[in-house]
Amino acid sequence: MDGTEDDSTSEEEASNMSKQKVVAARKYIENHYKEQMKNLQERREIRILLEKKLAHADVSEVDQNNLIKFLEKKETEYMRLQRHKIGVDDFELLTMIGKGVLMR
């Protein structure tokens, strides 16, 4: 044997792994954007419902606008928190119980 059979097998395995990674990445991206669109639609529906309730309530137009602006501000804060990645700085060290090895 000259090793070409082993090379083609490992290339085939690498190719299959690459295909699996591509499929997984595509599914992740599709699910991510599907979820984003779903959240956007839910927020629109909540806003429409709020606007209808405010229109039928005994609330001045100025107060209605203030409430909607407040909602928008809270949504912005919430969306910012959703994008936040947790890191070491988000925790307070109480006691060191061990030290692991970082592998990359």
PDB file of N, CA and C in Angstrom:
ATOM      1  N   MET A   1       0.828  -1.191   0.000  1.00  0.00           N
ATOM      2  CA  MET A   1       0.000   0.000   0.000  1.00  0.00           C
ATOM      3  C   MET A   1       0.866   1.247   0.000  1.00  0.00           C
ATOM      4  N   ASP A   2       0.424   2.230  -0.758  1.00  0.00           N
ATOM      5  CA  ASP A   2       1.207   3.463  -0.833  1.00  0.00           C
ATOM      6  C   ASP A   2       0.597   4.595  -0.018  1.00  0.00           C
ATOM      7  N   GLY A   3      -0.512   4.335   0.718  1.00  0.00           N
ATOM      8  CA  GLY A   3      -1.103   5.344   1.578  1.00  0.00           C
ATOM      9  C   GLY A   3      -2.173   6.178   0.905  1.00  0.00           C
ATOM     10  N   THR A   4      -2.415   6.006  -0.396  1.00  0.00           N
ATOM     11  CA  THR A   4      -3.424   6.819  -1.082  1.00  0.00           C
ATOM     12  C   THR A   4      -4.820   6.473  -0.623  1.00  0.00           C
ATOM     13  N   GLU A   5      -5.040   5.200  -0.247  1.00  0.00           N
ATOM     14  CA  GLU A   5      -6.348   4.798   0.233  1.00  0.00           C
ATOM     15  C   GLU A   5      -6.678   5.491   1.546  1.00  0.00           C
ATOM     16  N   ASP A   6      -5.703   5.562   2.443  1.00  0.00           N
ATOM     17  CA  ASP A   6      -5.880   6.252   3.717  1.00  0.00           C
ATOM     18  C   ASP A   6      -6.103   7.741   3.504  1.00  0.00           C
ATOM     19  N   ASP A   7      -5.379   8.332   2.543  1.00  0.00           N
ATOM     20  CA  ASP A   7      -5.530   9.760   2.253  1.00  0.00           C
ATOM     21  C   ASP A   7      -6.926  10.066   1.742  1.00  0.00           C
ATOM     22  N   SER A   8      -7.452   9.246   0.840  1.00  0.00           N
ATOM     23  CA  SER A   8      -8.771   9.509   0.271  1.00  0.00           C
ATOM     24  C   SER A   8      -9.853   9.305   1.324  1.00  0.00           C
ATOM     25  N   THR A   9      -9.665   8.335   2.209  1.00  0.00           N
ATOM     26  CA  THR A   9     -10.633   8.110   3.280  1.00  0.00           C
ATOM     27  C   THR A   9     -10.658   9.295   4.233  1.00  0.00           C
ATOM     28  N   SER A  10      -9.500   9.783   4.626  1.00  0.00           N
ATOM     29  CA  SER A  10      -9.464  10.923   5.544  1.00  0.00           C
ATOM     30  C   SER A  10      -9.973  12.188   4.867  1.00  0.00           C
ATOM     31  N   GLU A  11      -9.720  12.347   3.576  1.00  0.00           N
ATOM     32  CA  GLU A  11     -10.264  13.501   2.836  1.00  0.00           C
ATOM     33  C   GLU A  11     -11.781  13.411   2.766  1.00  0.00           C
ATOM     34  N   GLU A  12     -12.290  12.195   2.573  1.00  0.00           N
ATOM     35  CA  GLU A  12     -13.733  11.989   2.512  1.00  0.00           C
ATOM     36  C   GLU A  12     -14.375  12.314   3.862  1.00  0.00           C
ATOM     37  N   GLU A  13     -13.740  11.865   4.952  1.00  0.00           N
ATOM     38  CA  GLU A  13     -14.237  12.142   6.288  1.00  0.00           C
ATOM     39  C   GLU A  13     -14.214  13.643   6.568  1.00  0.00           C
ATOM     40  N   ALA A  14     -13.139  14.282   6.160  1.00  0.00           N
ATOM     41  CA  ALA A  14     -13.030  15.731   6.351  1.00  0.00           C
ATOM     42  C   ALA A  14     -14.106  16.449   5.547  1.00  0.00           C
ATOM     43  N   SER A  15     -14.346  15.971   4.336  1.00  0.00           N
ATOM     44  CA  SER A  15     -15.375  16.572   3.487  1.00  0.00           C
ATOM     45  C   SER A  15     -16.755  16.388   4.110  1.00  0.00           C
ATOM     46  N   ASN A  16     -17.027  15.196   4.628  1.00  0.00           N
ATOM     47  CA  ASN A  16     -18.319  14.952   5.275  1.00  0.00           C
ATOM     48  C   ASN A  16     -18.477  15.819   6.514  1.00  0.00           C
ATOM     49  N   MET A  17     -17.403  15.967   7.284  1.00  0.00           N
ATOM     50  CA  MET A  17     -17.464  16.833   8.466  1.00  0.00           C
ATOM     51  C   MET A  17     -17.729  18.279   8.067  1.00  0.00           C
ATOM     52  N   SER A  18     -17.096  18.718   6.996  1.00  0.00           N
ATOM     53  CA  SER A  18     -17.307  20.088   6.512  1.00  0.00           C
ATOM     54  C   SER A  18     -18.753  20.279   6.090  1.00  0.00           C
ATOM     55  N   LYS A  19     -19.302  19.296   5.394  1.00  0.00           N
ATOM     56  CA  LYS A  19     -20.707  19.378   4.961  1.00  0.00           C
ATOM     57  C   LYS A  19     -21.633  19.442   6.167  1.00  0.00           C
ATOM     58  N   GLN A  20     -21.347  18.632   7.181  1.00  0.00           N
ATOM     59  CA  GLN A  20     -22.170  18.638   8.387  1.00  0.00           C
ATOM     60  C   GLN A  20     -22.087  19.995   9.091  1.00  0.00           C
ATOM     61  N   LYS A  21     -20.903  20.562   9.120  1.00  0.00           N
ATOM     62  CA  LYS A  21     -20.740  21.875   9.746  1.00  0.00           C
ATOM     63  C   LYS A  21     -21.498  22.945   8.982  1.00  0.00           C
ATOM     64  N   VAL A  22     -21.474  22.859   7.655  1.00  0.00           N
ATOM     65  CA  VAL A  22     -22.204  23.829   6.829  1.00  0.00           C
ATOM     66  C   VAL A  22     -23.701  23.715   7.083  1.00  0.00           C
ATOM     67  N   VAL A  23     -24.212  22.477   7.137  1.00  0.00           N
ATOM     68  CA  VAL A  23     -25.637  22.259   7.385  1.00  0.00           C
ATOM     69  C   VAL A  23     -26.011  22.795   8.770  1.00  0.00           C
ATOM     70  N   ALA A  24     -25.178  22.510   9.768  1.00  0.00           N
ATOM     71  CA  ALA A  24     -25.450  22.981  11.124  1.00  0.00           C
ATOM     72  C   ALA A  24     -25.424  24.508  11.186  1.00  0.00           C
ATOM     73  N   ALA A  25     -24.464  25.120  10.519  1.00  0.00           N
ATOM     74  CA  ALA A  25     -24.371  26.585  10.508  1.00  0.00           C
ATOM     75  C   ALA A  25     -25.592  27.190   9.825  1.00  0.00           C
ATOM     76  N   ARG A  26     -25.999  26.588   8.715  1.00  0.00           N
ATOM     77  CA  ARG A  26     -27.175  27.092   7.987  1.00  0.00           C
ATOM     78  C   ARG A  26     -28.421  27.004   8.869  1.00  0.00           C
ATOM     79  N   LYS A  27     -28.598  25.861   9.559  1.00  0.00           N
ATOM     80  CA  LYS A  27     -29.761  25.700  10.436  1.00  0.00           C
ATOM     81  C   LYS A  27     -29.729  26.722  11.562  1.00  0.00           C
ATOM     82  N   TYR A  28     -28.545  26.925  12.132  1.00  0.00           N
ATOM     83  CA  TYR A  28     -28.412  27.892  13.221  1.00  0.00           C
ATOM     84  C   TYR A  28     -28.808  29.285  12.742  1.00  0.00           C
ATOM     85  N   ILE A  29     -28.294  29.683  11.596  1.00  0.00           N
ATOM     86  CA  ILE A  29     -28.586  31.017  11.057  1.00  0.00           C
ATOM     87  C   ILE A  29     -30.065  31.155  10.729  1.00  0.00           C
ATOM     88  N   GLU A  30     -30.641  30.125  10.088  1.00  0.00           N
ATOM     89  CA  GLU A  30     -32.065  30.166   9.751  1.00  0.00           C
ATOM     90  C   GLU A  30     -32.916  30.283  11.013  1.00  0.00           C
ATOM     91  N   ASN A  31     -32.606  29.469  12.017  1.00  0.00           N
ATOM     92  CA  ASN A  31     -33.367  29.520  13.273  1.00  0.00           C
ATOM     93  C   ASN A  31     -33.210  30.861  13.963  1.00  0.00           C
ATOM     94  N   HIS A  32     -32.000  31.398  13.935  1.00  0.00           N
ATOM     95  CA  HIS A  32     -31.741  32.696  14.566  1.00  0.00           C
ATOM     96  C   HIS A  32     -32.617  33.776  13.935  1.00  0.00           C
ATOM     97  N   TYR A  33     -32.627  33.852  12.617  1.00  0.00           N
ATOM     98  CA  TYR A  33     -33.399  34.908  11.957  1.00  0.00           C
ATOM     99  C   TYR A  33     -34.894  34.648  12.026  1.00  0.00           C
ATOM    100  N   LYS A  34     -35.292  33.375  12.040  1.00  0.00           N
ATOM    101  CA  LYS A  34     -36.706  33.052  12.218  1.00  0.00           C
ATOM    102  C   LYS A  34     -37.181  33.542  13.585  1.00  0.00           C
ATOM    103  N   GLU A  35     -36.355  33.303  14.603  1.00  0.00           N
ATOM    104  CA  GLU A  35     -36.673  33.743  15.967  1.00  0.00           C
ATOM    105  C   GLU A  35     -36.705  35.271  16.040  1.00  0.00           C
ATOM    106  N   GLN A  36     -35.770  35.932  15.361  1.00  0.00           N
ATOM    107  CA  GLN A  36     -35.748  37.404  15.338  1.00  0.00           C
ATOM    108  C   GLN A  36     -37.037  37.954  14.730  1.00  0.00           C
ATOM    109  N   MET A  37     -37.455  37.362  13.625  1.00  0.00           N
ATOM    110  CA  MET A  37     -38.678  37.824  12.954  1.00  0.00           C
ATOM    111  C   MET A  37     -39.905  37.568  13.832  1.00  0.00           C
ATOM    112  N   LYS A  38     -39.923  36.423  14.508  1.00  0.00           N
ATOM    113  CA  LYS A  38     -41.032  36.101  15.408  1.00  0.00           C
ATOM    114  C   LYS A  38     -41.100  37.125  16.537  1.00  0.00           C
ATOM    115  N   ASN A  39     -39.954  37.452  17.132  1.00  0.00           N
ATOM    116  CA  ASN A  39     -39.917  38.442  18.210  1.00  0.00           C
ATOM    117  C   ASN A  39     -40.359  39.815  17.724  1.00  0.00           C
ATOM    118  N   LEU A  40     -39.926  40.189  16.534  1.00  0.00           N
ATOM    119  CA  LEU A  40     -40.323  41.474  15.960  1.00  0.00           C
ATOM    120  C   LEU A  40     -41.839  41.535  15.773  1.00  0.00           C
ATOM    121  N   GLN A  41     -42.416  40.454  15.244  1.00  0.00           N
ATOM    122  CA  GLN A  41     -43.865  40.404  15.032  1.00  0.00           C
ATOM    123  C   GLN A  41     -44.605  40.486  16.369  1.00  0.00           C
ATOM    124  N   GLU A  42     -44.105  39.785  17.384  1.00  0.00           N
ATOM    125  CA  GLU A  42     -44.741  39.842  18.704  1.00  0.00           C
ATOM    126  C   GLU A  42     -44.694  41.254  19.274  1.00  0.00           C
ATOM    127  N   ARG A  43     -43.560  41.924  19.122  1.00  0.00           N
ATOM    128  CA  ARG A  43     -43.447  43.289  19.626  1.00  0.00           C
ATOM    129  C   ARG A  43     -44.397  44.228  18.895  1.00  0.00           C
ATOM    130  N   ARG A  44     -44.538  44.025  17.577  1.00  0.00           N
ATOM    131  CA  ARG A  44     -45.490  44.853  16.808  1.00  0.00           C
ATOM    132  C   ARG A  44     -46.913  44.644  17.317  1.00  0.00           C
ATOM    133  N   GLU A  45     -47.280  43.384  17.551  1.00  0.00           N
ATOM    134  CA  GLU A  45     -48.633  43.073  18.019  1.00  0.00           C
ATOM    135  C   GLU A  45     -48.894  43.689  19.393  1.00  0.00           C
ATOM    136  N   ILE A  46     -47.898  43.614  20.269  1.00  0.00           N
ATOM    137  CA  ILE A  46     -48.046  44.198  21.609  1.00  0.00           C
ATOM    138  C   ILE A  46     -48.215  45.709  21.505  1.00  0.00           C
ATOM    139  N   ARG A  47     -47.446  46.328  20.619  1.00  0.00           N
ATOM    140  CA  ARG A  47     -47.548  47.783  20.455  1.00  0.00           C
ATOM    141  C   ARG A  47     -48.923  48.176  19.906  1.00  0.00           C
ATOM    142  N   ILE A  48     -49.415  47.448  18.923  1.00  0.00           N
ATOM    143  CA  ILE A  48     -50.737  47.735  18.357  1.00  0.00           C
ATOM    144  C   ILE A  48     -51.808  47.586  19.426  1.00  0.00           C
ATOM    145  N   LEU A  49     -51.693  46.526  20.232  1.00  0.00           N
ATOM    146  CA  LEU A  49     -52.653  46.308  21.309  1.00  0.00           C
ATOM    147  C   LEU A  49     -52.601  47.452  22.322  1.00  0.00           C
ATOM    148  N   LEU A  50     -51.407  47.870  22.692  1.00  0.00           N
ATOM    149  CA  LEU A  50     -51.245  48.987  23.624  1.00  0.00           C
ATOM    150  C   LEU A  50     -51.856  50.260  23.051  1.00  0.00           C
ATOM    151  N   GLU A  51     -51.569  50.535  21.777  1.00  0.00           N
ATOM    152  CA  GLU A  51     -52.107  51.748  21.154  1.00  0.00           C
ATOM    153  C   GLU A  51     -53.638  51.726  21.141  1.00  0.00           C
ATOM    154  N   LYS A  52     -54.226  50.543  20.867  1.00  0.00           N
ATOM    155  CA  LYS A  52     -55.696  50.426  20.871  1.00  0.00           C
ATOM    156  C   LYS A  52     -56.251  50.662  22.268  1.00  0.00           C
ATOM    157  N   LYS A  53     -55.603  50.052  23.269  1.00  0.00           N
ATOM    158  CA  LYS A  53     -56.085  50.223  24.646  1.00  0.00           C
ATOM    159  C   LYS A  53     -55.959  51.672  25.088  1.00  0.00           C
ATOM    160  N   LEU A  54     -54.861  52.310  24.718  1.00  0.00           N
ATOM    161  CA  LEU A  54     -54.680  53.716  25.086  1.00  0.00           C
ATOM    162  C   LEU A  54     -55.704  54.608  24.384  1.00  0.00           C
ATOM    163  N   ALA A  55     -56.023  54.278  23.139  1.00  0.00           N
ATOM    164  CA  ALA A  55     -56.994  55.080  22.389  1.00  0.00           C
ATOM    165  C   ALA A  55     -58.378  55.007  23.030  1.00  0.00           C
ATOM    166  N   HIS A  56     -58.725  53.835  23.598  1.00  0.00           N
ATOM    167  CA  HIS A  56     -60.040  53.669  24.221  1.00  0.00           C
ATOM    168  C   HIS A  56     -60.045  54.092  25.686  1.00  0.00           C
ATOM    169  N   ALA A  57     -58.873  54.298  26.260  1.00  0.00           N
ATOM    170  CA  ALA A  57     -58.790  54.707  27.664  1.00  0.00           C
ATOM    171  C   ALA A  57     -58.901  56.222  27.763  1.00  0.00           C
ATOM    172  N   ASP A  58     -59.140  56.671  28.955  1.00  0.00           N
ATOM    173  CA  ASP A  58     -59.243  58.106  29.199  1.00  0.00           C
ATOM    174  C   ASP A  58     -57.843  58.645  29.510  1.00  0.00           C
ATOM    175  N   VAL A  59     -56.982  58.631  28.470  1.00  0.00           N
ATOM    176  CA  VAL A  59     -55.590  59.059  28.618  1.00  0.00           C
ATOM    177  C   VAL A  59     -55.319  60.140  27.561  1.00  0.00           C
ATOM    178  N   SER A  60     -54.686  61.210  27.993  1.00  0.00           N
ATOM    179  CA  SER A  60     -54.408  62.294  27.046  1.00  0.00           C
ATOM    180  C   SER A  60     -53.405  61.822  25.989  1.00  0.00           C
ATOM    181  N   GLU A  61     -53.395  62.508  24.878  1.00  0.00           N
ATOM    182  CA  GLU A  61     -52.483  62.152  23.786  1.00  0.00           C
ATOM    183  C   GLU A  61     -51.022  62.297  24.211  1.00  0.00           C
ATOM    184  N   VAL A  62     -50.753  63.292  25.026  1.00  0.00           N
ATOM    185  CA  VAL A  62     -49.383  63.488  25.531  1.00  0.00           C
ATOM    186  C   VAL A  62     -48.968  62.292  26.383  1.00  0.00           C
ATOM    187  N   ASP A  63     -49.867  61.855  27.267  1.00  0.00           N
ATOM    188  CA  ASP A  63     -49.565  60.695  28.103  1.00  0.00           C
ATOM    189  C   ASP A  63     -49.427  59.425  27.255  1.00  0.00           C
ATOM    190  N   GLN A  64     -50.255  59.314  26.234  1.00  0.00           N
ATOM    191  CA  GLN A  64     -50.144  58.154  25.327  1.00  0.00           C
ATOM    192  C   GLN A  64     -48.759  58.117  24.684  1.00  0.00           C
ATOM    193  N   ASN A  65     -48.335  59.267  24.168  1.00  0.00           N
ATOM    194  CA  ASN A  65     -47.017  59.336  23.526  1.00  0.00           C
ATOM    195  C   ASN A  65     -45.898  59.032  24.523  1.00  0.00           C
ATOM    196  N   ASN A  66     -46.042  59.551  25.755  1.00  0.00           N
ATOM    197  CA  ASN A  66     -45.030  59.287  26.786  1.00  0.00           C
ATOM    198  C   ASN A  66     -44.963  57.800  27.124  1.00  0.00           C
ATOM    199  N   LEU A  67     -46.114  57.153  27.222  1.00  0.00           N
ATOM    200  CA  LEU A  67     -46.146  55.723  27.518  1.00  0.00           C
ATOM    201  C   LEU A  67     -45.507  54.900  26.393  1.00  0.00           C
ATOM    202  N   ILE A  68     -45.787  55.286  25.168  1.00  0.00           N
ATOM    203  CA  ILE A  68     -45.215  54.569  24.019  1.00  0.00           C
ATOM    204  C   ILE A  68     -43.707  54.775  23.967  1.00  0.00           C
ATOM    205  N   LYS A  69     -43.260  55.990  24.226  1.00  0.00           N
ATOM    206  CA  LYS A  69     -41.812  56.255  24.262  1.00  0.00           C
ATOM    207  C   LYS A  69     -41.138  55.452  25.381  1.00  0.00           C
ATOM    208  N   PHE A  70     -41.805  55.355  26.535  1.00  0.00           N
ATOM    209  CA  PHE A  70     -41.285  54.571  27.647  1.00  0.00           C
ATOM    210  C   PHE A  70     -41.164  53.097  27.250  1.00  0.00           C
ATOM    211  N   LEU A  71     -42.195  52.589  26.587  1.00  0.00           N
ATOM    212  CA  LEU A  71     -42.170  51.201  26.108  1.00  0.00           C
ATOM    213  C   LEU A  71     -41.009  50.986  25.140  1.00  0.00           C
ATOM    214  N   GLU A  72     -40.832  51.906  24.210  1.00  0.00           N
ATOM    215  CA  GLU A  72     -39.732  51.795  23.248  1.00  0.00           C
ATOM    216  C   GLU A  72     -38.382  51.774  23.953  1.00  0.00           C
ATOM    217  N   LYS A  73     -38.233  52.629  24.970  1.00  0.00           N
ATOM    218  CA  LYS A  73     -36.975  52.684  25.723  1.00  0.00           C
ATOM    219  C   LYS A  73     -36.724  51.361  26.433  1.00  0.00           C
ATOM    220  N   LYS A  74     -37.757  50.810  27.067  1.00  0.00           N
ATOM    221  CA  LYS A  74     -37.625  49.539  27.772  1.00  0.00           C
ATOM    222  C   LYS A  74     -37.308  48.394  26.800  1.00  0.00           C
ATOM    223  N   GLU A  75     -37.934  48.409  25.640  1.00  0.00           N
ATOM    224  CA  GLU A  75     -37.646  47.381  24.632  1.00  0.00           C
ATOM    225  C   GLU A  75     -36.193  47.465  24.176  1.00  0.00           C
ATOM    226  N   THR A  76     -35.698  48.688  23.984  1.00  0.00           N
ATOM    227  CA  THR A  76     -34.304  48.879  23.571  1.00  0.00           C
ATOM    228  C   THR A  76     -33.359  48.329  24.626  1.00  0.00           C
ATOM    229  N   GLU A  77     -33.645  48.635  25.895  1.00  0.00           N
ATOM    230  CA  GLU A  77     -32.815  48.118  26.988  1.00  0.00           C
ATOM    231  C   GLU A  77     -32.842  46.590  27.019  1.00  0.00           C
ATOM    232  N   TYR A  78     -34.031  46.032  26.839  1.00  0.00           N
ATOM    233  CA  TYR A  78     -34.181  44.578  26.855  1.00  0.00           C
ATOM    234  C   TYR A  78     -33.410  43.924  25.712  1.00  0.00           C
ATOM    235  N   MET A  79     -33.518  44.497  24.529  1.00  0.00           N
ATOM    236  CA  MET A  79     -32.814  43.942  23.362  1.00  0.00           C
ATOM    237  C   MET A  79     -31.299  44.026  23.569  1.00  0.00           C
ATOM    238  N   ARG A  80     -30.830  45.096  24.178  1.00  0.00           N
ATOM    239  CA  ARG A  80     -29.404  45.242  24.463  1.00  0.00           C
ATOM    240  C   ARG A  80     -28.948  44.154  25.442  1.00  0.00           C
ATOM    241  N   LEU A  81     -29.765  43.894  26.456  1.00  0.00           N
ATOM    242  CA  LEU A  81     -29.441  42.836  27.406  1.00  0.00           C
ATOM    243  C   LEU A  81     -29.426  41.459  26.737  1.00  0.00           C
ATOM    244  N   GLN A  82     -30.316  41.245  25.776  1.00  0.00           N
ATOM    245  CA  GLN A  82     -30.367  39.970  25.053  1.00  0.00           C
ATOM    246  C   GLN A  82     -29.082  39.731  24.265  1.00  0.00           C
ATOM    247  N   ARG A  83     -28.478  40.786  23.766  1.00  0.00           N
ATOM    248  CA  ARG A  83     -27.262  40.645  22.955  1.00  0.00           C
ATOM    249  C   ARG A  83     -26.002  40.538  23.807  1.00  0.00           C
ATOM    250  N   HIS A  84     -26.117  40.853  25.100  1.00  0.00           N
ATOM    251  CA  HIS A  84     -24.956  40.852  25.989  1.00  0.00           C
ATOM    252  C   HIS A  84     -24.419  39.430  26.165  1.00  0.00           C
ATOM    253  N   LYS A  85     -23.135  39.268  25.989  1.00  0.00           N
ATOM    254  CA  LYS A  85     -22.471  37.988  26.205  1.00  0.00           C
ATOM    255  C   LYS A  85     -21.919  37.960  27.624  1.00  0.00           C
ATOM    256  N   ILE A  86     -22.155  36.867  28.314  1.00  0.00           N
ATOM    257  CA  ILE A  86     -21.662  36.733  29.674  1.00  0.00           C
ATOM    258  C   ILE A  86     -20.163  36.485  29.642  1.00  0.00           C
ATOM    259  N   GLY A  87     -19.451  37.191  30.497  1.00  0.00           N
ATOM    260  CA  GLY A  87     -18.008  37.036  30.569  1.00  0.00           C
ATOM    261  C   GLY A  87     -17.549  36.938  32.009  1.00  0.00           C
ATOM    262  N   VAL A  88     -16.276  36.767  32.187  1.00  0.00           N
ATOM    263  CA  VAL A  88     -15.682  36.639  33.516  1.00  0.00           C
ATOM    264  C   VAL A  88     -15.976  37.872  34.366  1.00  0.00           C
ATOM    265  N   ASP A  89     -15.983  39.027  33.744  1.00  0.00           N
ATOM    266  CA  ASP A  89     -16.197  40.276  34.484  1.00  0.00           C
ATOM    267  C   ASP A  89     -17.611  40.388  35.064  1.00  0.00           C
ATOM    268  N   ASP A  90     -18.529  39.527  34.603  1.00  0.00           N
ATOM    269  CA  ASP A  90     -19.902  39.560  35.100  1.00  0.00           C
ATOM    270  C   ASP A  90     -20.059  38.826  36.434  1.00  0.00           C
ATOM    271  N   PHE A  91     -18.982  38.231  36.921  1.00  0.00           N
ATOM    272  CA  PHE A  91     -19.032  37.455  38.152  1.00  0.00           C
ATOM    273  C   PHE A  91     -18.105  38.047  39.198  1.00  0.00           C
ATOM    274  N   GLU A  92     -18.424  37.752  40.450  1.00  0.00           N
ATOM    275  CA  GLU A  92     -17.595  38.194  41.561  1.00  0.00           C
ATOM    276  C   GLU A  92     -16.887  36.975  42.137  1.00  0.00           C
ATOM    277  N   LEU A  93     -15.566  37.031  42.247  1.00  0.00           N
ATOM    278  CA  LEU A  93     -14.787  35.924  42.776  1.00  0.00           C
ATOM    279  C   LEU A  93     -14.995  35.840  44.281  1.00  0.00           C
ATOM    280  N   LEU A  94     -15.508  34.700  44.733  1.00  0.00           N
ATOM    281  CA  LEU A  94     -15.697  34.486  46.158  1.00  0.00           C
ATOM    282  C   LEU A  94     -14.513  33.708  46.730  1.00  0.00           C
ATOM    283  N   THR A  95     -14.234  32.570  46.132  1.00  0.00           N
ATOM    284  CA  THR A  95     -13.130  31.727  46.570  1.00  0.00           C
ATOM    285  C   THR A  95     -12.582  30.989  45.369  1.00  0.00           C
ATOM    286  N   MET A  96     -11.288  30.920  45.243  1.00  0.00           N
ATOM    287  CA  MET A  96     -10.654  30.173  44.165  1.00  0.00           C
ATOM    288  C   MET A  96     -10.648  28.702  44.580  1.00  0.00           C
ATOM    289  N   ILE A  97     -11.291  27.848  43.805  1.00  0.00           N
ATOM    290  CA  ILE A  97     -11.344  26.429  44.160  1.00  0.00           C
ATOM    291  C   ILE A  97     -10.445  25.580  43.254  1.00  0.00           C
ATOM    292  N   GLY A  98      -9.897  26.169  42.253  1.00  0.00           N
ATOM    293  CA  GLY A  98      -9.027  25.423  41.369  1.00  0.00           C
ATOM    294  C   GLY A  98      -8.690  26.263  40.168  1.00  0.00           C
ATOM    295  N   LYS A  99      -7.775  25.771  39.380  1.00  0.00           N
ATOM    296  CA  LYS A  99      -7.372  26.500  38.187  1.00  0.00           C
ATOM    297  C   LYS A  99      -7.330  25.500  37.042  1.00  0.00           C
ATOM    298  N   GLY A 100      -8.109  25.731  36.028  1.00  0.00           N
ATOM    299  CA  GLY A 100      -8.140  24.830  34.882  1.00  0.00           C
ATOM    300  C   GLY A 100      -7.116  25.237  33.843  1.00  0.00           C
ATOM    301  N   VAL A 101      -7.035  24.422  32.812  1.00  0.00           N
ATOM    302  CA  VAL A 101      -6.126  24.700  31.712  1.00  0.00           C
ATOM    303  C   VAL A 101      -6.963  25.148  30.530  1.00  0.00           C
ATOM    304  N   LEU A 102      -6.626  26.273  29.972  1.00  0.00           N
ATOM    305  CA  LEU A 102      -7.347  26.801  28.828  1.00  0.00           C
ATOM    306  C   LEU A 102      -6.805  26.145  27.566  1.00  0.00           C
ATOM    307  N   MET A 103      -7.689  25.486  26.824  1.00  0.00           N
ATOM    308  CA  MET A 103      -7.282  24.812  25.578  1.00  0.00           C
ATOM    309  C   MET A 103      -7.984  25.477  24.414  1.00  0.00           C
ATOM    310  N   ARG A 104      -7.255  25.758  23.392  1.00  0.00           N
ATOM    311  CA  ARG A 104      -7.844  26.379  22.201  1.00  0.00           C
ATOM    312  C   ARG A 104      -7.568  25.541  21.004  1.00  0.00           C
TER     313      ARG A 104
END
